[in-house]
Amino acid sequence: MIQSRSTSKVKIDLIPMQIPEALPGVALAFTGAESFDFTAGHSLLLHPGQPSEMIVQVQNLTANPLRLDLKVKGDFPQEWCQIGTEGSEIAPRDTMQAVLYFQVPATFFEDRSAIIPGKKDRLDLNFGCSVHLYLDPGTEQQKIETSDEFNICIRPWSKYMEFLPLLYREVDFIGRFINIFEQAYQPAIDSFNTMWANLDPLTAPQALLPFLAHWVGWKFDSAWDLQQERRLIRRAVELYRWRGTRKGLRLYLHLYTGLPLDENILNENDKHISITEPFGNSFTLNEAVLGNAVLGGGRSYHFVVCLRPKESNTIHEALVRRIIEQEKPAFCTYELSIEGTG
């Protein structure tokens, strides 16, 4: 809704970008009493911590260029308002726009210093504001200003008002009364809606990780960093299921080193984490060469782990050996090779 004011030289339009749905004094209309003089077109809605704007359009009605200065006055702290203009001069018959940027501190309702004991026993939510326009500033020329003030209405942002019939949304008291319940119950509802994130080790708060680890029987280790712990807790049950197998050992090493599993590569020796068993033919005569002939097919219950990282210094060999010792069957032996070291 646009509020207009014309003089012989200029025409001024005020356009609020946010209009309050509920206004002070509307509740008195139900009792037949005379309501306070607030109208939606003369009011700008402000939510603490969120910006809002009032557009001021100034049209030059004369055939000469006009120099002007725009100021805003009111019973609110001046730091709440910033003025943005396109310049200080309007061409003949032309229009210029200025923007009044309003922003109330996010802690407006929580800051108890706004209430002065003995002088001010309540927190003001409505403020008067007026736009003053000076033509030819610095001279004794006429001052032109808007005759109608607009009001600033500060209200907490509320989602619960959307569930009310339109008739009740128009009552300012009901909006503030409903906000009491919203402030009390909404944190619990938001917590319930994000409960899945608290139960996922990848997104849970760090303070909750010991509980999640205990839930799956995982023991914390100072050797692991936070992200590694999160991945291990999340897949702990899967590691238990495959413990003692090649798949389980490869998965554990993958979670620690970050090397890919390479499940699409068929040749074991080409994988970043290769686990091979040095078994050959049991008995070979015509293909045997002196120095590499094997009888019995190699060492039984023995395997070779080879890691191929991009950077050799990113893997802690002692920790890898501890992982292998923990995951392998007790009767197995192994060899470890980390390419790029030694």
Protein backbone atom coordinates (compact mmCIF):
# COMPACT_ATOMS: atom_id res chain seq x y z
CA MET A 1 0.00 0.00 0.00
CA ILE A 2 1.35 3.41 -1.00
CA GLN A 3 1.12 6.54 1.14
CA SER A 4 1.34 9.73 -0.97
CA ARG A 5 1.94 13.36 -0.18
CA SER A 6 2.05 16.16 -2.77
CA THR A 7 3.17 19.79 -2.66
CA SER A 8 3.57 22.37 -5.37
CA LYS A 9 7.10 21.20 -6.09
CA VAL A 10 7.36 17.51 -5.28
CA LYS A 11 5.26 14.42 -4.78
CA ILE A 12 6.38 11.89 -2.18
CA ASP A 13 5.25 8.26 -2.05
CA LEU A 14 6.06 5.91 0.84
CA ILE A 15 5.96 2.19 -0.01
CA PRO A 16 6.55 -0.28 2.86
CA MET A 17 8.11 -3.57 1.79
CA GLN A 18 6.62 -5.45 4.77
CA ILE A 19 3.15 -4.62 6.10
CA PRO A 20 2.08 -5.98 9.48
CA GLU A 21 -0.79 -8.43 9.28
CA ALA A 22 -1.88 -7.66 12.84
CA LEU A 23 -1.93 -4.11 14.15
CA PRO A 24 -2.07 -2.61 17.65
CA GLY A 25 -5.53 -1.77 18.89
CA VAL A 26 -7.42 -4.02 16.47
CA ALA A 27 -8.61 -6.20 19.37
CA LEU A 28 -10.57 -3.20 20.72
CA ALA A 29 -12.77 -3.29 17.64
CA PHE A 30 -14.43 -6.45 18.92
CA THR A 31 -15.61 -4.60 22.01
CA GLY A 32 -16.91 -1.61 20.09
CA ALA A 33 -14.21 0.66 21.49
CA GLU A 34 -12.37 3.12 19.32
CA SER A 35 -9.12 1.56 18.16
CA PHE A 36 -5.74 3.21 18.07
CA ASP A 37 -4.97 5.09 14.86
CA PHE A 38 -2.82 2.50 13.10
CA THR A 39 -3.33 1.61 9.45
CA ALA A 40 -1.45 -0.99 7.43
CA GLY A 41 -0.42 1.46 4.72
CA HIS A 42 1.29 3.71 7.29
CA SER A 43 3.15 0.89 9.07
CA LEU A 44 6.35 -1.03 8.44
CA LEU A 45 6.83 -4.46 9.98
CA LEU A 46 10.21 -5.31 11.51
CA HIS A 47 11.42 -8.67 12.80
CA PRO A 48 14.48 -8.59 15.10
CA GLY A 49 17.62 -9.57 13.21
CA GLN A 50 15.94 -9.32 9.79
CA PRO A 51 16.20 -6.31 7.46
CA SER A 52 13.15 -4.43 6.20
CA GLU A 53 12.80 -1.50 3.83
CA MET A 54 10.64 1.55 3.24
CA ILE A 55 10.82 2.91 -0.32
CA VAL A 56 10.60 6.70 -0.66
CA GLN A 57 9.74 7.88 -4.19
CA VAL A 58 10.24 11.61 -4.81
CA GLN A 59 8.89 13.12 -8.02
CA ASN A 60 9.94 16.57 -9.26
CA LEU A 61 6.80 18.41 -10.38
CA THR A 62 8.65 21.51 -11.58
CA ALA A 63 10.46 22.35 -14.80
CA ASN A 64 13.73 22.95 -12.96
CA PRO A 65 16.16 20.53 -11.34
CA LEU A 66 15.86 20.24 -7.57
CA ARG A 67 18.56 19.56 -5.03
CA LEU A 68 17.36 17.80 -1.93
CA ASP A 69 18.38 16.26 1.36
CA LEU A 70 16.48 13.40 2.99
CA LYS A 71 16.39 12.78 6.72
CA VAL A 72 14.50 10.38 8.96
CA LYS A 73 13.35 11.24 12.47
CA GLY A 74 11.52 9.26 15.11
CA ASP A 75 11.49 7.99 18.68
CA PHE A 76 13.60 4.94 17.82
CA PRO A 77 17.42 4.51 17.98
CA GLN A 78 18.87 6.13 14.88
CA GLU A 79 21.31 3.25 14.32
CA TRP A 80 18.34 1.12 13.29
CA CYS A 81 17.95 3.10 10.07
CA GLN A 82 20.30 3.66 7.13
CA ILE A 83 19.39 5.86 4.12
CA GLY A 84 20.33 4.94 0.58
CA THR A 85 19.75 7.41 -2.26
CA GLU A 86 20.45 7.57 -5.99
CA GLY A 87 21.92 11.07 -5.70
CA SER A 88 21.12 14.52 -4.38
CA GLU A 89 19.51 16.09 -7.46
CA ILE A 90 16.32 15.32 -9.41
CA ALA A 91 15.95 16.32 -13.04
CA PRO A 92 12.80 18.21 -14.15
CA ARG A 93 9.69 15.99 -14.16
CA ASP A 94 11.84 13.07 -13.11
CA THR A 95 11.53 10.63 -10.19
CA MET A 96 14.15 9.54 -7.69
CA GLN A 97 14.01 6.64 -5.24
CA ALA A 98 15.49 6.47 -1.79
CA VAL A 99 15.49 3.42 0.45
CA LEU A 100 15.22 3.45 4.23
CA TYR A 101 16.96 0.32 5.48
CA PHE A 102 15.71 -0.72 8.92
CA GLN A 103 17.19 -3.49 11.04
CA VAL A 104 16.44 -4.17 14.69
CA PRO A 105 19.08 -6.07 16.74
CA ALA A 106 18.46 -9.81 16.89
CA THR A 107 18.52 -9.64 20.72
CA PHE A 108 15.78 -6.99 20.91
CA PHE A 109 13.40 -9.13 22.99
CA GLU A 110 16.17 -10.68 25.12
CA ASP A 111 18.02 -7.46 25.96
CA ARG A 112 16.63 -6.48 29.35
CA SER A 113 18.63 -3.25 29.33
CA ALA A 114 15.96 -1.83 27.02
CA ILE A 115 13.66 -1.68 30.04
CA ILE A 116 14.73 0.95 32.57
CA PRO A 117 13.45 0.16 36.09
CA GLY A 118 11.32 2.98 37.50
CA LYS A 119 11.18 4.85 34.20
CA LYS A 120 10.09 2.23 31.77
CA ASP A 121 8.26 -0.84 32.98
CA ARG A 122 7.49 -2.29 29.54
CA LEU A 123 9.23 -2.81 26.23
CA ASP A 124 8.06 -0.53 23.42
CA LEU A 125 7.07 -2.40 20.26
CA ASN A 126 5.71 0.51 18.20
CA PHE A 127 7.58 3.63 17.16
CA GLY A 128 6.69 6.73 15.19
CA CYS A 129 8.79 7.77 12.21
CA SER A 130 8.68 10.65 9.73
CA VAL A 131 10.54 11.47 6.53
CA HIS A 132 11.81 15.05 6.20
CA LEU A 133 12.73 16.35 2.76
CA TYR A 134 14.77 19.56 2.44
CA LEU A 135 14.89 21.33 -0.93
CA ASP A 136 18.03 23.27 -1.83
CA PRO A 137 19.82 22.37 1.42
CA GLY A 138 22.14 25.06 2.77
CA THR A 139 19.82 27.89 1.74
CA GLU A 140 16.77 29.50 3.32
CA GLN A 141 14.41 27.74 0.93
CA GLN A 142 11.20 26.07 2.04
CA LYS A 143 11.36 22.77 3.91
CA ILE A 144 8.98 20.14 2.59
CA GLU A 145 8.12 17.04 4.57
CA THR A 146 5.52 14.27 4.62
CA SER A 147 2.55 15.31 6.68
CA ASP A 148 1.65 11.72 7.66
CA GLU A 149 4.06 9.76 9.81
CA PHE A 150 4.50 6.08 9.29
CA ASN A 151 4.81 3.63 12.16
CA ILE A 152 7.40 0.96 12.90
CA CYS A 153 5.92 -2.22 14.39
CA ILE A 154 8.40 -4.68 15.89
CA ARG A 155 7.06 -8.21 16.14
CA PRO A 156 8.68 -11.62 16.68
CA TRP A 157 8.60 -13.83 13.61
CA SER A 158 5.96 -16.53 14.10
CA LYS A 159 5.04 -19.65 12.16
CA TYR A 160 2.08 -20.50 14.36
CA MET A 161 0.07 -17.53 13.07
CA GLU A 162 -0.25 -19.34 9.73
CA PHE A 163 -2.45 -21.96 11.42
CA LEU A 164 -4.99 -19.40 12.61
CA PRO A 165 -8.02 -18.19 10.64
CA LEU A 166 -7.50 -14.84 8.95
CA LEU A 167 -9.85 -13.12 11.41
CA TYR A 168 -7.56 -13.93 14.36
CA ARG A 169 -4.37 -13.05 12.49
CA GLU A 170 -5.57 -9.47 12.34
CA VAL A 171 -5.51 -9.16 16.12
CA ASP A 172 -2.12 -8.05 17.39
CA PHE A 173 -2.63 -9.36 20.93
CA ILE A 174 -3.45 -12.86 19.70
CA GLY A 175 -0.25 -12.92 17.65
CA ARG A 176 1.89 -12.04 20.66
CA PHE A 177 -0.03 -14.48 22.89
CA ILE A 178 0.46 -17.35 20.43
CA ASN A 179 4.17 -16.52 20.25
CA ILE A 180 4.51 -17.48 23.94
CA PHE A 181 3.55 -21.06 23.09
CA GLU A 182 5.74 -21.04 20.00
CA GLN A 183 8.79 -20.04 22.03
CA ALA A 184 8.02 -22.80 24.56
CA TYR A 185 7.22 -25.71 22.24
CA GLN A 186 9.05 -25.02 18.97
CA PRO A 187 12.56 -25.91 20.26
CA ALA A 188 11.28 -29.37 21.24
CA ILE A 189 9.60 -29.80 17.84
CA ASP A 190 12.75 -28.69 15.99
CA SER A 191 14.83 -31.10 18.07
CA PHE A 192 12.47 -33.94 17.20
CA ASN A 193 12.58 -33.08 13.49
CA THR A 194 16.39 -33.23 13.49
CA MET A 195 16.69 -36.28 15.75
CA TRP A 196 18.00 -38.34 12.82
CA ALA A 197 21.06 -36.07 12.64
CA ASN A 198 21.80 -36.68 16.34
CA LEU A 199 21.73 -40.45 15.77
CA ASP A 200 24.00 -40.42 12.71
CA PRO A 201 27.69 -40.50 13.76
CA LEU A 202 28.62 -38.39 10.72
CA THR A 203 26.43 -35.47 11.82
CA ALA A 204 25.94 -35.98 15.57
CA PRO A 205 27.43 -33.45 18.02
CA GLN A 206 30.87 -34.46 19.23
CA ALA A 207 29.61 -34.75 22.81
CA LEU A 208 27.16 -37.45 21.68
CA LEU A 209 29.77 -39.67 19.98
CA PRO A 210 30.75 -41.63 23.15
CA PHE A 211 27.09 -42.64 23.59
CA LEU A 212 26.80 -43.75 19.95
CA ALA A 213 30.09 -45.66 20.23
CA HIS A 214 28.89 -47.44 23.38
CA TRP A 215 25.63 -48.21 21.59
CA VAL A 216 27.47 -50.31 18.96
CA GLY A 217 30.22 -51.56 21.28
CA TRP A 218 32.98 -49.48 19.73
CA LYS A 219 35.96 -48.45 21.85
CA PHE A 220 37.38 -44.96 21.42
CA ASP A 221 41.06 -44.73 20.48
CA SER A 222 43.20 -41.60 20.70
CA ALA A 223 45.06 -42.69 17.57
CA TRP A 224 42.03 -41.87 15.41
CA ASP A 225 41.05 -38.35 14.44
CA LEU A 226 37.45 -37.16 14.77
CA GLN A 227 36.35 -37.86 11.19
CA GLN A 228 37.86 -41.35 11.25
CA GLU A 229 36.05 -42.08 14.52
CA ARG A 230 32.77 -40.96 12.98
CA ARG A 231 33.19 -43.25 9.97
CA LEU A 232 34.23 -46.22 12.12
CA ILE A 233 31.33 -45.84 14.55
CA ARG A 234 28.88 -45.58 11.67
CA ARG A 235 30.10 -48.83 10.09
CA ALA A 236 31.09 -50.68 13.26
CA VAL A 237 28.37 -53.32 12.92
CA GLU A 238 29.43 -54.00 9.33
CA LEU A 239 33.05 -54.40 10.48
CA TYR A 240 31.95 -56.90 13.13
CA ARG A 241 30.03 -58.87 10.53
CA TRP A 242 33.01 -59.26 8.20
CA ARG A 243 35.75 -59.58 10.82
CA GLY A 244 38.37 -62.18 9.85
CA THR A 245 37.68 -61.90 6.10
CA ARG A 246 39.39 -60.12 3.26
CA LYS A 247 36.35 -57.89 2.77
CA GLY A 248 36.30 -56.85 6.43
CA LEU A 249 40.02 -56.04 6.53
CA ARG A 250 39.84 -54.05 3.29
CA LEU A 251 36.85 -52.08 4.62
CA TYR A 252 38.68 -51.26 7.87
CA LEU A 253 41.78 -50.09 5.99
CA HIS A 254 39.59 -48.07 3.64
CA LEU A 255 37.95 -46.24 6.56
CA TYR A 256 41.35 -45.42 8.08
CA THR A 257 43.40 -44.54 4.99
CA GLY A 258 40.65 -43.12 2.80
CA LEU A 259 41.97 -45.18 -0.12
CA PRO A 260 39.24 -46.36 -2.53
CA LEU A 261 37.85 -49.87 -2.27
CA ASP A 262 38.15 -50.39 -6.07
CA GLU A 263 35.35 -52.92 -6.10
CA ASN A 264 35.03 -52.53 -9.87
CA ILE A 265 38.66 -53.65 -10.46
CA LEU A 266 38.91 -57.41 -10.95
CA ASN A 267 42.68 -57.80 -10.69
CA GLU A 268 43.57 -57.75 -7.00
CA ASN A 269 47.11 -56.48 -7.64
CA ASP A 270 45.77 -53.32 -9.32
CA LYS A 271 43.73 -52.14 -6.33
CA HIS A 272 44.80 -49.37 -3.96
CA ILE A 273 44.28 -51.82 -1.08
CA SER A 274 45.29 -55.25 -2.32
CA ILE A 275 45.16 -58.37 -0.14
CA THR A 276 46.62 -61.42 -1.85
CA GLU A 277 47.47 -64.97 -0.83
CA PRO A 278 50.71 -66.30 -2.39
CA PHE A 279 49.28 -69.63 -3.55
CA GLY A 280 50.58 -71.21 -6.74
CA ASN A 281 50.31 -74.63 -8.31
CA SER A 282 50.85 -77.42 -5.82
CA PHE A 283 53.53 -79.23 -7.85
CA THR A 284 55.19 -78.02 -11.06
CA LEU A 285 57.91 -79.79 -13.09
CA ASN A 286 58.06 -78.58 -16.67
CA GLU A 287 57.50 -74.87 -15.80
CA ALA A 288 59.74 -74.78 -12.74
CA VAL A 289 62.87 -72.62 -12.92
CA LEU A 290 65.74 -72.92 -10.51
CA GLY A 291 65.29 -70.32 -7.81
CA ASN A 292 61.51 -69.97 -7.90
CA ALA A 293 60.22 -73.53 -7.85
CA VAL A 294 57.56 -73.99 -5.19
CA LEU A 295 56.45 -77.27 -3.69
CA GLY A 296 53.21 -77.36 -1.74
CA GLY A 297 51.78 -74.10 -3.17
CA GLY A 298 53.46 -71.56 -0.83
CA ARG A 299 52.85 -70.69 2.82
CA SER A 300 49.51 -71.69 4.20
CA TYR A 301 47.37 -69.17 6.12
CA HIS A 302 49.59 -66.33 4.91
CA PHE A 303 48.55 -63.18 3.05
CA VAL A 304 50.14 -59.99 1.73
CA VAL A 305 48.67 -56.52 2.23
CA CYS A 306 49.83 -53.81 -0.17
CA LEU A 307 48.75 -50.18 0.14
CA ARG A 308 49.23 -47.74 -2.71
CA PRO A 309 48.60 -44.19 -1.40
CA LYS A 310 49.14 -41.08 -3.51
CA GLU A 311 51.42 -39.65 -0.83
CA SER A 312 53.62 -42.02 1.14
CA ASN A 313 53.69 -40.02 4.38
CA THR A 314 49.91 -40.08 4.90
CA ILE A 315 49.75 -43.58 6.38
CA HIS A 316 50.86 -44.59 9.87
CA GLU A 317 52.46 -48.02 9.39
CA ALA A 318 52.30 -49.00 13.08
CA LEU A 319 48.57 -48.25 13.17
CA VAL A 320 47.97 -50.25 9.99
CA ARG A 321 49.77 -53.23 11.51
CA ARG A 322 47.65 -52.92 14.63
CA ILE A 323 44.50 -52.97 12.49
CA ILE A 324 45.66 -56.09 10.65
CA GLU A 325 46.59 -57.86 13.90
CA GLN A 326 43.14 -57.04 15.29
CA GLU A 327 41.16 -58.13 12.23
CA LYS A 328 43.01 -61.21 10.98
CA PRO A 329 42.43 -64.74 12.30
CA ALA A 330 44.90 -65.56 15.08
CA PHE A 331 46.58 -68.38 13.17
CA CYS A 332 47.32 -66.30 10.05
CA THR A 333 50.59 -64.57 9.21
CA TYR A 334 50.97 -61.60 6.92
CA GLU A 335 53.32 -59.20 5.15
CA LEU A 336 52.70 -55.47 4.81
CA SER A 337 53.92 -53.31 1.96
CA ILE A 338 53.27 -49.57 1.64
CA GLU A 339 54.42 -48.30 -1.75
CA GLY A 340 56.51 -45.16 -1.67
CA THR A 341 58.12 -45.83 1.74
CA GLY A 342 61.59 -47.12 2.35
